[in-house]
Amino acid sequence: MAEIIITADNFQQEVLNSPIPVLVDFWATWCGPCKMVAPVVAEIAEELAGVVKVAKVDVDDNRELAIEYGISSIPTLMVFKNGEPVKAAVGVRPKAAILSMLK
């Protein structure tokens, strides 16, 4: 499964109401570190399809979500389980570190 593009309109359904854990990548098109971590996030989305949902939130287009979840630096990767944020990491992370957030 590919990454899901999240907006304020589908955040509730795709992230908060998800029956499986969701890795949310808060990013922006102009962000260099975001571009560095994007291929790793996409790889995780393919490898863990059906086990973990991977979602991307463009903070420029969805400022209200970024504010609600206290995103002050990007990229921020946040794991949601049962509708609640349980783990977060700011900045570029190696694949192993991102995978360990999902355990």
PDB file of N, CA and C in Angstrom:
ATOM      1  N   MET A   1       0.850  -1.187   0.000  1.00  0.00           N
ATOM      2  CA  MET A   1       0.000   0.000   0.000  1.00  0.00           C
ATOM      3  C   MET A   1       0.885   1.236   0.000  1.00  0.00           C
ATOM      4  N   ALA A   2       0.533   2.158  -0.816  1.00  0.00           N
ATOM      5  CA  ALA A   2       1.300   3.410  -0.887  1.00  0.00           C
ATOM      6  C   ALA A   2       0.939   4.305   0.293  1.00  0.00           C
ATOM      7  N   GLU A   3       1.696   5.359   0.429  1.00  0.00           N
ATOM      8  CA  GLU A   3       1.420   6.332   1.478  1.00  0.00           C
ATOM      9  C   GLU A   3       0.090   7.023   1.184  1.00  0.00           C
ATOM     10  N   ILE A   4      -0.591   7.379   2.245  1.00  0.00           N
ATOM     11  CA  ILE A   4      -1.870   8.070   2.127  1.00  0.00           C
ATOM     12  C   ILE A   4      -1.628   9.556   2.374  1.00  0.00           C
ATOM     13  N   ILE A   5      -2.171  10.385   1.509  1.00  0.00           N
ATOM     14  CA  ILE A   5      -2.067  11.836   1.698  1.00  0.00           C
ATOM     15  C   ILE A   5      -3.171  12.253   2.655  1.00  0.00           C
ATOM     16  N   ILE A   6      -2.767  12.890   3.739  1.00  0.00           N
ATOM     17  CA  ILE A   6      -3.708  13.271   4.797  1.00  0.00           C
ATOM     18  C   ILE A   6      -3.976  14.765   4.752  1.00  0.00           C
ATOM     19  N   THR A   7      -5.243  15.098   4.921  1.00  0.00           N
ATOM     20  CA  THR A   7      -5.678  16.489   5.057  1.00  0.00           C
ATOM     21  C   THR A   7      -6.553  16.557   6.304  1.00  0.00           C
ATOM     22  N   ALA A   8      -6.957  17.748   6.661  1.00  0.00           N
ATOM     23  CA  ALA A   8      -7.865  17.908   7.809  1.00  0.00           C
ATOM     24  C   ALA A   8      -9.153  17.125   7.575  1.00  0.00           C
ATOM     25  N   ASP A   9      -9.562  16.989   6.309  1.00  0.00           N
ATOM     26  CA  ASP A   9     -10.815  16.302   5.984  1.00  0.00           C
ATOM     27  C   ASP A   9     -10.770  14.801   6.236  1.00  0.00           C
ATOM     28  N   ASN A  10      -9.612  14.161   6.022  1.00  0.00           N
ATOM     29  CA  ASN A  10      -9.578  12.706   6.188  1.00  0.00           C
ATOM     30  C   ASN A  10      -8.722  12.234   7.371  1.00  0.00           C
ATOM     31  N   PHE A  11      -8.186  13.159   8.162  1.00  0.00           N
ATOM     32  CA  PHE A  11      -7.332  12.792   9.297  1.00  0.00           C
ATOM     33  C   PHE A  11      -8.063  11.897  10.290  1.00  0.00           C
ATOM     34  N   GLN A  12      -9.265  12.271  10.651  1.00  0.00           N
ATOM     35  CA  GLN A  12     -10.058  11.491  11.613  1.00  0.00           C
ATOM     36  C   GLN A  12     -10.229  10.051  11.127  1.00  0.00           C
ATOM     37  N   GLN A  13     -10.677   9.913   9.899  1.00  0.00           N
ATOM     38  CA  GLN A  13     -10.954   8.584   9.350  1.00  0.00           C
ATOM     39  C   GLN A  13      -9.690   7.756   9.166  1.00  0.00           C
ATOM     40  N   GLU A  14      -8.678   8.326   8.539  1.00  0.00           N
ATOM     41  CA  GLU A  14      -7.484   7.567   8.170  1.00  0.00           C
ATOM     42  C   GLU A  14      -6.497   7.347   9.317  1.00  0.00           C
ATOM     43  N   VAL A  15      -6.431   8.295  10.255  1.00  0.00           N
ATOM     44  CA  VAL A  15      -5.447   8.187  11.334  1.00  0.00           C
ATOM     45  C   VAL A  15      -6.107   7.833  12.662  1.00  0.00           C
ATOM     46  N   LEU A  16      -6.998   8.678  13.130  1.00  0.00           N
ATOM     47  CA  LEU A  16      -7.572   8.474  14.458  1.00  0.00           C
ATOM     48  C   LEU A  16      -8.457   7.238  14.548  1.00  0.00           C
ATOM     49  N   ASN A  17      -9.164   6.905  13.469  1.00  0.00           N
ATOM     50  CA  ASN A  17     -10.057   5.746  13.484  1.00  0.00           C
ATOM     51  C   ASN A  17      -9.436   4.491  12.880  1.00  0.00           C
ATOM     52  N   SER A  18      -8.151   4.521  12.600  1.00  0.00           N
ATOM     53  CA  SER A  18      -7.497   3.381  11.964  1.00  0.00           C
ATOM     54  C   SER A  18      -7.417   2.190  12.924  1.00  0.00           C
ATOM     55  N   PRO A  19      -7.767   0.992  12.438  1.00  0.00           N
ATOM     56  CA  PRO A  19      -7.662  -0.202  13.281  1.00  0.00           C
ATOM     57  C   PRO A  19      -6.215  -0.690  13.436  1.00  0.00           C
ATOM     58  N   ILE A  20      -5.308  -0.181  12.586  1.00  0.00           N
ATOM     59  CA  ILE A  20      -3.892  -0.554  12.670  1.00  0.00           C
ATOM     60  C   ILE A  20      -3.062   0.691  12.979  1.00  0.00           C
ATOM     61  N   PRO A  21      -1.849   0.510  13.489  1.00  0.00           N
ATOM     62  CA  PRO A  21      -0.995   1.677  13.779  1.00  0.00           C
ATOM     63  C   PRO A  21      -0.760   2.513  12.512  1.00  0.00           C
ATOM     64  N   VAL A  22      -0.587   3.822  12.728  1.00  0.00           N
ATOM     65  CA  VAL A  22      -0.352   4.742  11.616  1.00  0.00           C
ATOM     66  C   VAL A  22       0.936   5.525  11.878  1.00  0.00           C
ATOM     67  N   LEU A  23       1.837   5.494  10.901  1.00  0.00           N
ATOM     68  CA  LEU A  23       3.043   6.315  10.935  1.00  0.00           C
ATOM     69  C   LEU A  23       2.732   7.562  10.120  1.00  0.00           C
ATOM     70  N   VAL A  24       2.719   8.712  10.780  1.00  0.00           N
ATOM     71  CA  VAL A  24       2.407   9.970  10.099  1.00  0.00           C
ATOM     72  C   VAL A  24       3.699  10.767   9.915  1.00  0.00           C
ATOM     73  N   ASP A  25       3.963  11.127   8.666  1.00  0.00           N
ATOM     74  CA  ASP A  25       5.130  11.930   8.313  1.00  0.00           C
ATOM     75  C   ASP A  25       4.652  13.364   8.101  1.00  0.00           C
ATOM     76  N   PHE A  26       4.975  14.249   9.051  1.00  0.00           N
ATOM     77  CA  PHE A  26       4.676  15.679   8.904  1.00  0.00           C
ATOM     78  C   PHE A  26       5.851  16.282   8.149  1.00  0.00           C
ATOM     79  N   TRP A  27       5.594  16.871   6.981  1.00  0.00           N
ATOM     80  CA  TRP A  27       6.653  17.307   6.079  1.00  0.00           C
ATOM     81  C   TRP A  27       6.224  18.552   5.302  1.00  0.00           C
ATOM     82  N   ALA A  28       7.125  19.053   4.464  1.00  0.00           N
ATOM     83  CA  ALA A  28       6.817  20.163   3.546  1.00  0.00           C
ATOM     84  C   ALA A  28       7.652  19.986   2.281  1.00  0.00           C
ATOM     85  N   THR A  29       7.141  20.508   1.185  1.00  0.00           N
ATOM     86  CA  THR A  29       7.807  20.341  -0.117  1.00  0.00           C
ATOM     87  C   THR A  29       9.185  20.996  -0.161  1.00  0.00           C
ATOM     88  N   TRP A  30       9.382  22.074   0.583  1.00  0.00           N
ATOM     89  CA  TRP A  30      10.634  22.828   0.548  1.00  0.00           C
ATOM     90  C   TRP A  30      11.689  22.298   1.521  1.00  0.00           C
ATOM     91  N   CYS A  31      11.348  21.296   2.309  1.00  0.00           N
ATOM     92  CA  CYS A  31      12.200  20.803   3.402  1.00  0.00           C
ATOM     93  C   CYS A  31      13.203  19.761   2.914  1.00  0.00           C
ATOM     94  N   GLY A  32      14.489  20.098   2.945  1.00  0.00           N
ATOM     95  CA  GLY A  32      15.541  19.182   2.515  1.00  0.00           C
ATOM     96  C   GLY A  32      15.575  17.883   3.307  1.00  0.00           C
ATOM     97  N   PRO A  33      15.603  17.946   4.641  1.00  0.00           N
ATOM     98  CA  PRO A  33      15.590  16.705   5.428  1.00  0.00           C
ATOM     99  C   PRO A  33      14.340  15.849   5.171  1.00  0.00           C
ATOM    100  N   CYS A  34      13.218  16.501   4.879  1.00  0.00           N
ATOM    101  CA  CYS A  34      11.989  15.761   4.565  1.00  0.00           C
ATOM    102  C   CYS A  34      12.192  14.929   3.300  1.00  0.00           C
ATOM    103  N   LYS A  35      12.875  15.523   2.319  1.00  0.00           N
ATOM    104  CA  LYS A  35      13.146  14.811   1.070  1.00  0.00           C
ATOM    105  C   LYS A  35      14.107  13.654   1.300  1.00  0.00           C
ATOM    106  N   MET A  36      14.996  13.803   2.275  1.00  0.00           N
ATOM    107  CA  MET A  36      15.947  12.737   2.584  1.00  0.00           C
ATOM    108  C   MET A  36      15.248  11.533   3.215  1.00  0.00           C
ATOM    109  N   VAL A  37      14.286  11.767   4.078  1.00  0.00           N
ATOM    110  CA  VAL A  37      13.614  10.665   4.776  1.00  0.00           C
ATOM    111  C   VAL A  37      12.462  10.077   3.958  1.00  0.00           C
ATOM    112  N   ALA A  38      11.982  10.804   2.961  1.00  0.00           N
ATOM    113  CA  ALA A  38      10.816  10.362   2.174  1.00  0.00           C
ATOM    114  C   ALA A  38      10.978   8.972   1.544  1.00  0.00           C
ATOM    115  N   PRO A  39      12.125   8.649   0.916  1.00  0.00           N
ATOM    116  CA  PRO A  39      12.255   7.311   0.326  1.00  0.00           C
ATOM    117  C   PRO A  39      12.200   6.194   1.372  1.00  0.00           C
ATOM    118  N   VAL A  40      12.719   6.455   2.548  1.00  0.00           N
ATOM    119  CA  VAL A  40      12.698   5.466   3.627  1.00  0.00           C
ATOM    120  C   VAL A  40      11.260   5.253   4.089  1.00  0.00           C
ATOM    121  N   VAL A  41      10.522   6.341   4.245  1.00  0.00           N
ATOM    122  CA  VAL A  41       9.122   6.258   4.656  1.00  0.00           C
ATOM    123  C   VAL A  41       8.306   5.501   3.602  1.00  0.00           C
ATOM    124  N   ALA A  42       8.571   5.775   2.329  1.00  0.00           N
ATOM    125  CA  ALA A  42       7.866   5.084   1.243  1.00  0.00           C
ATOM    126  C   ALA A  42       8.179   3.588   1.253  1.00  0.00           C
ATOM    127  N   GLU A  43       9.415   3.249   1.532  1.00  0.00           N
ATOM    128  CA  GLU A  43       9.834   1.846   1.603  1.00  0.00           C
ATOM    129  C   GLU A  43       9.098   1.125   2.735  1.00  0.00           C
ATOM    130  N   ILE A  44       8.999   1.778   3.878  1.00  0.00           N
ATOM    131  CA  ILE A  44       8.283   1.208   5.022  1.00  0.00           C
ATOM    132  C   ILE A  44       6.807   1.014   4.675  1.00  0.00           C
ATOM    133  N   ALA A  45       6.229   1.969   3.959  1.00  0.00           N
ATOM    134  CA  ALA A  45       4.823   1.870   3.553  1.00  0.00           C
ATOM    135  C   ALA A  45       4.597   0.615   2.720  1.00  0.00           C
ATOM    136  N   GLU A  46       5.521   0.316   1.812  1.00  0.00           N
ATOM    137  CA  GLU A  46       5.389  -0.880   0.967  1.00  0.00           C
ATOM    138  C   GLU A  46       5.613  -2.155   1.766  1.00  0.00           C
ATOM    139  N   GLU A  47       6.658  -2.164   2.587  1.00  0.00           N
ATOM    140  CA  GLU A  47       7.022  -3.372   3.327  1.00  0.00           C
ATOM    141  C   GLU A  47       5.999  -3.757   4.386  1.00  0.00           C
ATOM    142  N   LEU A  48       5.378  -2.777   5.012  1.00  0.00           N
ATOM    143  CA  LEU A  48       4.461  -3.054   6.122  1.00  0.00           C
ATOM    144  C   LEU A  48       2.995  -2.843   5.746  1.00  0.00           C
ATOM    145  N   ALA A  49       2.710  -2.853   4.461  1.00  0.00           N
ATOM    146  CA  ALA A  49       1.330  -2.671   3.995  1.00  0.00           C
ATOM    147  C   ALA A  49       0.414  -3.687   4.666  1.00  0.00           C
ATOM    148  N   GLY A  50      -0.703  -3.193   5.192  1.00  0.00           N
ATOM    149  CA  GLY A  50      -1.663  -4.050   5.868  1.00  0.00           C
ATOM    150  C   GLY A  50      -1.389  -4.222   7.346  1.00  0.00           C
ATOM    151  N   VAL A  51      -0.148  -3.936   7.778  1.00  0.00           N
ATOM    152  CA  VAL A  51       0.226  -4.055   9.186  1.00  0.00           C
ATOM    153  C   VAL A  51       0.305  -2.675   9.821  1.00  0.00           C
ATOM    154  N   VAL A  52       0.854  -1.722   9.051  1.00  0.00           N
ATOM    155  CA  VAL A  52       0.992  -0.326   9.466  1.00  0.00           C
ATOM    156  C   VAL A  52       0.549   0.543   8.300  1.00  0.00           C
ATOM    157  N   LYS A  53      -0.206   1.575   8.612  1.00  0.00           N
ATOM    158  CA  LYS A  53      -0.601   2.545   7.591  1.00  0.00           C
ATOM    159  C   LYS A  53       0.416   3.684   7.640  1.00  0.00           C
ATOM    160  N   VAL A  54       0.837   4.167   6.481  1.00  0.00           N
ATOM    161  CA  VAL A  54       1.783   5.283   6.426  1.00  0.00           C
ATOM    162  C   VAL A  54       1.082   6.466   5.777  1.00  0.00           C
ATOM    163  N   ALA A  55       1.108   7.582   6.475  1.00  0.00           N
ATOM    164  CA  ALA A  55       0.391   8.772   6.029  1.00  0.00           C
ATOM    165  C   ALA A  55       1.328   9.963   5.999  1.00  0.00           C
ATOM    166  N   LYS A  56       1.054  10.886   5.076  1.00  0.00           N
ATOM    167  CA  LYS A  56       1.875  12.095   4.950  1.00  0.00           C
ATOM    168  C   LYS A  56       0.995  13.324   5.107  1.00  0.00           C
ATOM    169  N   VAL A  57       1.453  14.250   5.946  1.00  0.00           N
ATOM    170  CA  VAL A  57       0.741  15.511   6.163  1.00  0.00           C
ATOM    171  C   VAL A  57       1.659  16.653   5.760  1.00  0.00           C
ATOM    172  N   ASP A  58       1.277  17.379   4.705  1.00  0.00           N
ATOM    173  CA  ASP A  58       2.021  18.572   4.298  1.00  0.00           C
ATOM    174  C   ASP A  58       1.641  19.687   5.278  1.00  0.00           C
ATOM    175  N   VAL A  59       2.607  20.125   6.075  1.00  0.00           N
ATOM    176  CA  VAL A  59       2.302  21.104   7.125  1.00  0.00           C
ATOM    177  C   VAL A  59       1.929  22.469   6.574  1.00  0.00           C
ATOM    178  N   ASP A  60       2.363  22.773   5.363  1.00  0.00           N
ATOM    179  CA  ASP A  60       1.975  24.058   4.763  1.00  0.00           C
ATOM    180  C   ASP A  60       0.505  24.064   4.365  1.00  0.00           C
ATOM    181  N   ASP A  61       0.013  22.920   3.919  1.00  0.00           N
ATOM    182  CA  ASP A  61      -1.389  22.814   3.508  1.00  0.00           C
ATOM    183  C   ASP A  61      -2.317  22.484   4.664  1.00  0.00           C
ATOM    184  N   ASN A  62      -1.755  22.009   5.770  1.00  0.00           N
ATOM    185  CA  ASN A  62      -2.560  21.553   6.911  1.00  0.00           C
ATOM    186  C   ASN A  62      -2.003  22.102   8.218  1.00  0.00           C
ATOM    187  N   ARG A  63      -1.914  23.421   8.276  1.00  0.00           N
ATOM    188  CA  ARG A  63      -1.334  24.075   9.460  1.00  0.00           C
ATOM    189  C   ARG A  63      -2.060  23.715  10.746  1.00  0.00           C
ATOM    190  N   GLU A  64      -3.391  23.576  10.665  1.00  0.00           N
ATOM    191  CA  GLU A  64      -4.158  23.290  11.871  1.00  0.00           C
ATOM    192  C   GLU A  64      -3.773  21.940  12.475  1.00  0.00           C
ATOM    193  N   LEU A  65      -3.485  20.944  11.639  1.00  0.00           N
ATOM    194  CA  LEU A  65      -3.045  19.646  12.159  1.00  0.00           C
ATOM    195  C   LEU A  65      -1.657  19.763  12.778  1.00  0.00           C
ATOM    196  N   ALA A  66      -0.779  20.507  12.117  1.00  0.00           N
ATOM    197  CA  ALA A  66       0.574  20.700  12.648  1.00  0.00           C
ATOM    198  C   ALA A  66       0.517  21.386  14.017  1.00  0.00           C
ATOM    199  N   ILE A  67      -0.330  22.375  14.145  1.00  0.00           N
ATOM    200  CA  ILE A  67      -0.470  23.085  15.427  1.00  0.00           C
ATOM    201  C   ILE A  67      -1.063  22.163  16.485  1.00  0.00           C
ATOM    202  N   GLU A  68      -2.119  21.433  16.109  1.00  0.00           N
ATOM    203  CA  GLU A  68      -2.800  20.542  17.059  1.00  0.00           C
ATOM    204  C   GLU A  68      -1.849  19.508  17.649  1.00  0.00           C
ATOM    205  N   TYR A  69      -0.910  19.019  16.832  1.00  0.00           N
ATOM    206  CA  TYR A  69       0.011  17.979  17.298  1.00  0.00           C
ATOM    207  C   TYR A  69       1.391  18.515  17.661  1.00  0.00           C
ATOM    208  N   GLY A  70       1.501  19.840  17.800  1.00  0.00           N
ATOM    209  CA  GLY A  70       2.719  20.455  18.309  1.00  0.00           C
ATOM    210  C   GLY A  70       3.932  20.300  17.412  1.00  0.00           C
ATOM    211  N   ILE A  71       3.704  20.286  16.107  1.00  0.00           N
ATOM    212  CA  ILE A  71       4.812  20.126  15.169  1.00  0.00           C
ATOM    213  C   ILE A  71       5.529  21.466  15.029  1.00  0.00           C
ATOM    214  N   SER A  72       6.768  21.525  15.529  1.00  0.00           N
ATOM    215  CA  SER A  72       7.531  22.765  15.442  1.00  0.00           C
ATOM    216  C   SER A  72       8.738  22.629  14.521  1.00  0.00           C
ATOM    217  N   SER A  73       9.134  21.390  14.239  1.00  0.00           N
ATOM    218  CA  SER A  73      10.234  21.121  13.316  1.00  0.00           C
ATOM    219  C   SER A  73       9.824  19.967  12.416  1.00  0.00           C
ATOM    220  N   ILE A  74      10.324  20.009  11.185  1.00  0.00           N
ATOM    221  CA  ILE A  74      10.030  18.917  10.266  1.00  0.00           C
ATOM    222  C   ILE A  74      11.325  18.389   9.668  1.00  0.00           C
ATOM    223  N   PRO A  75      11.369  17.134   9.273  1.00  0.00           N
ATOM    224  CA  PRO A  75      10.269  16.184   9.369  1.00  0.00           C
ATOM    225  C   PRO A  75      10.043  15.727  10.811  1.00  0.00           C
ATOM    226  N   THR A  76       8.788  15.513  11.132  1.00  0.00           N
ATOM    227  CA  THR A  76       8.417  14.859  12.386  1.00  0.00           C
ATOM    228  C   THR A  76       7.647  13.605  12.009  1.00  0.00           C
ATOM    229  N   LEU A  77       8.103  12.494  12.531  1.00  0.00           N
ATOM    230  CA  LEU A  77       7.410  11.227  12.340  1.00  0.00           C
ATOM    231  C   LEU A  77       6.679  10.908  13.638  1.00  0.00           C
ATOM    232  N   MET A  78       5.395  10.616  13.538  1.00  0.00           N
ATOM    233  CA  MET A  78       4.587  10.359  14.721  1.00  0.00           C
ATOM    234  C   MET A  78       3.805   9.062  14.511  1.00  0.00           C
ATOM    235  N   VAL A  79       3.818   8.215  15.521  1.00  0.00           N
ATOM    236  CA  VAL A  79       3.078   6.955  15.462  1.00  0.00           C
ATOM    237  C   VAL A  79       1.801   7.099  16.272  1.00  0.00           C
ATOM    238  N   PHE A  80       0.679   6.767  15.632  1.00  0.00           N
ATOM    239  CA  PHE A  80      -0.628   6.776  16.286  1.00  0.00           C
ATOM    240  C   PHE A  80      -1.103   5.343  16.448  1.00  0.00           C
ATOM    241  N   LYS A  81      -1.578   5.018  17.651  1.00  0.00           N
ATOM    242  CA  LYS A  81      -2.205   3.717  17.915  1.00  0.00           C
ATOM    243  C   LYS A  81      -3.505   3.992  18.648  1.00  0.00           C
ATOM    244  N   ASN A  82      -4.556   3.361  18.178  1.00  0.00           N
ATOM    245  CA  ASN A  82      -5.881   3.540  18.783  1.00  0.00           C
ATOM    246  C   ASN A  82      -6.266   5.013  18.892  1.00  0.00           C
ATOM    247  N   GLY A  83      -5.911   5.795  17.873  1.00  0.00           N
ATOM    248  CA  GLY A  83      -6.305   7.197  17.822  1.00  0.00           C
ATOM    249  C   GLY A  83      -5.464   8.145  18.643  1.00  0.00           C
ATOM    250  N   GLU A  84      -4.414   7.637  19.270  1.00  0.00           N
ATOM    251  CA  GLU A  84      -3.565   8.477  20.126  1.00  0.00           C
ATOM    252  C   GLU A  84      -2.130   8.478  19.622  1.00  0.00           C
ATOM    253  N   PRO A  85      -1.460   9.649  19.671  1.00  0.00           N
ATOM    254  CA  PRO A  85      -0.033   9.669  19.338  1.00  0.00           C
ATOM    255  C   PRO A  85       0.752   9.002  20.466  1.00  0.00           C
ATOM    256  N   VAL A  86       1.574   8.000  20.124  1.00  0.00           N
ATOM    257  CA  VAL A  86       2.305   7.261  21.148  1.00  0.00           C
ATOM    258  C   VAL A  86       3.818   7.469  21.091  1.00  0.00           C
ATOM    259  N   LYS A  87       4.325   7.806  19.896  1.00  0.00           N
ATOM    260  CA  LYS A  87       5.767   8.050  19.749  1.00  0.00           C
ATOM    261  C   LYS A  87       5.974   9.110  18.680  1.00  0.00           C
ATOM    262  N   ALA A  88       7.052   9.869  18.843  1.00  0.00           N
ATOM    263  CA  ALA A  88       7.383  10.885  17.838  1.00  0.00           C
ATOM    264  C   ALA A  88       8.897  11.034  17.767  1.00  0.00           C
ATOM    265  N   ALA A  89       9.363  11.376  16.576  1.00  0.00           N
ATOM    266  CA  ALA A  89      10.788  11.633  16.359  1.00  0.00           C
ATOM    267  C   ALA A  89      10.915  12.781  15.373  1.00  0.00           C
ATOM    268  N   VAL A  90      11.830  13.697  15.678  1.00  0.00           N
ATOM    269  CA  VAL A  90      12.039  14.858  14.822  1.00  0.00           C
ATOM    270  C   VAL A  90      13.360  14.690  14.082  1.00  0.00           C
ATOM    271  N   GLY A  91      13.346  15.028  12.793  1.00  0.00           N
ATOM    272  CA  GLY A  91      14.558  14.969  11.999  1.00  0.00           C
ATOM    273  C   GLY A  91      14.690  13.667  11.231  1.00  0.00           C
ATOM    274  N   VAL A  92      15.751  13.584  10.443  1.00  0.00           N
ATOM    275  CA  VAL A  92      16.008  12.399   9.639  1.00  0.00           C
ATOM    276  C   VAL A  92      16.417  11.261  10.560  1.00  0.00           C
ATOM    277  N   ARG A  93      15.788  10.120  10.355  1.00  0.00           N
ATOM    278  CA  ARG A  93      16.090   8.934  11.147  1.00  0.00           C
ATOM    279  C   ARG A  93      16.414   7.781  10.204  1.00  0.00           C
ATOM    280  N   PRO A  94      17.331   6.899  10.619  1.00  0.00           N
ATOM    281  CA  PRO A  94      17.579   5.715   9.799  1.00  0.00           C
ATOM    282  C   PRO A  94      16.363   4.784   9.845  1.00  0.00           C
ATOM    283  N   LYS A  95      16.271   3.931   8.857  1.00  0.00           N
ATOM    284  CA  LYS A  95      15.126   3.024   8.740  1.00  0.00           C
ATOM    285  C   LYS A  95      14.919   2.215  10.011  1.00  0.00           C
ATOM    286  N   ALA A  96      15.996   1.682  10.571  1.00  0.00           N
ATOM    287  CA  ALA A  96      15.882   0.850  11.782  1.00  0.00           C
ATOM    288  C   ALA A  96      15.248   1.624  12.934  1.00  0.00           C
ATOM    289  N   ALA A  97      15.596   2.897  13.067  1.00  0.00           N
ATOM    290  CA  ALA A  97      15.042   3.713  14.142  1.00  0.00           C
ATOM    291  C   ALA A  97      13.534   3.952  13.929  1.00  0.00           C
ATOM    292  N   ILE A  98      13.146   4.151  12.672  1.00  0.00           N
ATOM    293  CA  ILE A  98      11.727   4.353  12.373  1.00  0.00           C
ATOM    294  C   ILE A  98      10.957   3.064  12.637  1.00  0.00           C
ATOM    295  N   LEU A  99      11.512   1.946  12.205  1.00  0.00           N
ATOM    296  CA  LEU A  99      10.861   0.661  12.439  1.00  0.00           C
ATOM    297  C   LEU A  99      10.715   0.376  13.935  1.00  0.00           C
ATOM    298  N   SER A 100      11.705   0.755  14.727  1.00  0.00           N
ATOM    299  CA  SER A 100      11.625   0.493  16.176  1.00  0.00           C
ATOM    300  C   SER A 100      10.528   1.339  16.833  1.00  0.00           C
ATOM    301  N   MET A 101      10.192   2.480  16.229  1.00  0.00           N
ATOM    302  CA  MET A 101       9.081   3.293  16.756  1.00  0.00           C
ATOM    303  C   MET A 101       7.757   2.552  16.611  1.00  0.00           C
ATOM    304  N   LEU A 102       7.674   1.670  15.648  1.00  0.00           N
ATOM    305  CA  LEU A 102       6.425   0.979  15.336  1.00  0.00           C
ATOM    306  C   LEU A 102       6.202  -0.259  16.191  1.00  0.00           C
ATOM    307  N   LYS A 103       7.187  -0.638  16.994  1.00  0.00           N
ATOM    308  CA  LYS A 103       7.051  -1.857  17.819  1.00  0.00           C
ATOM    309  C   LYS A 103       6.332  -1.563  19.110  1.00  0.00           C
TER     310      LYS A 103
END
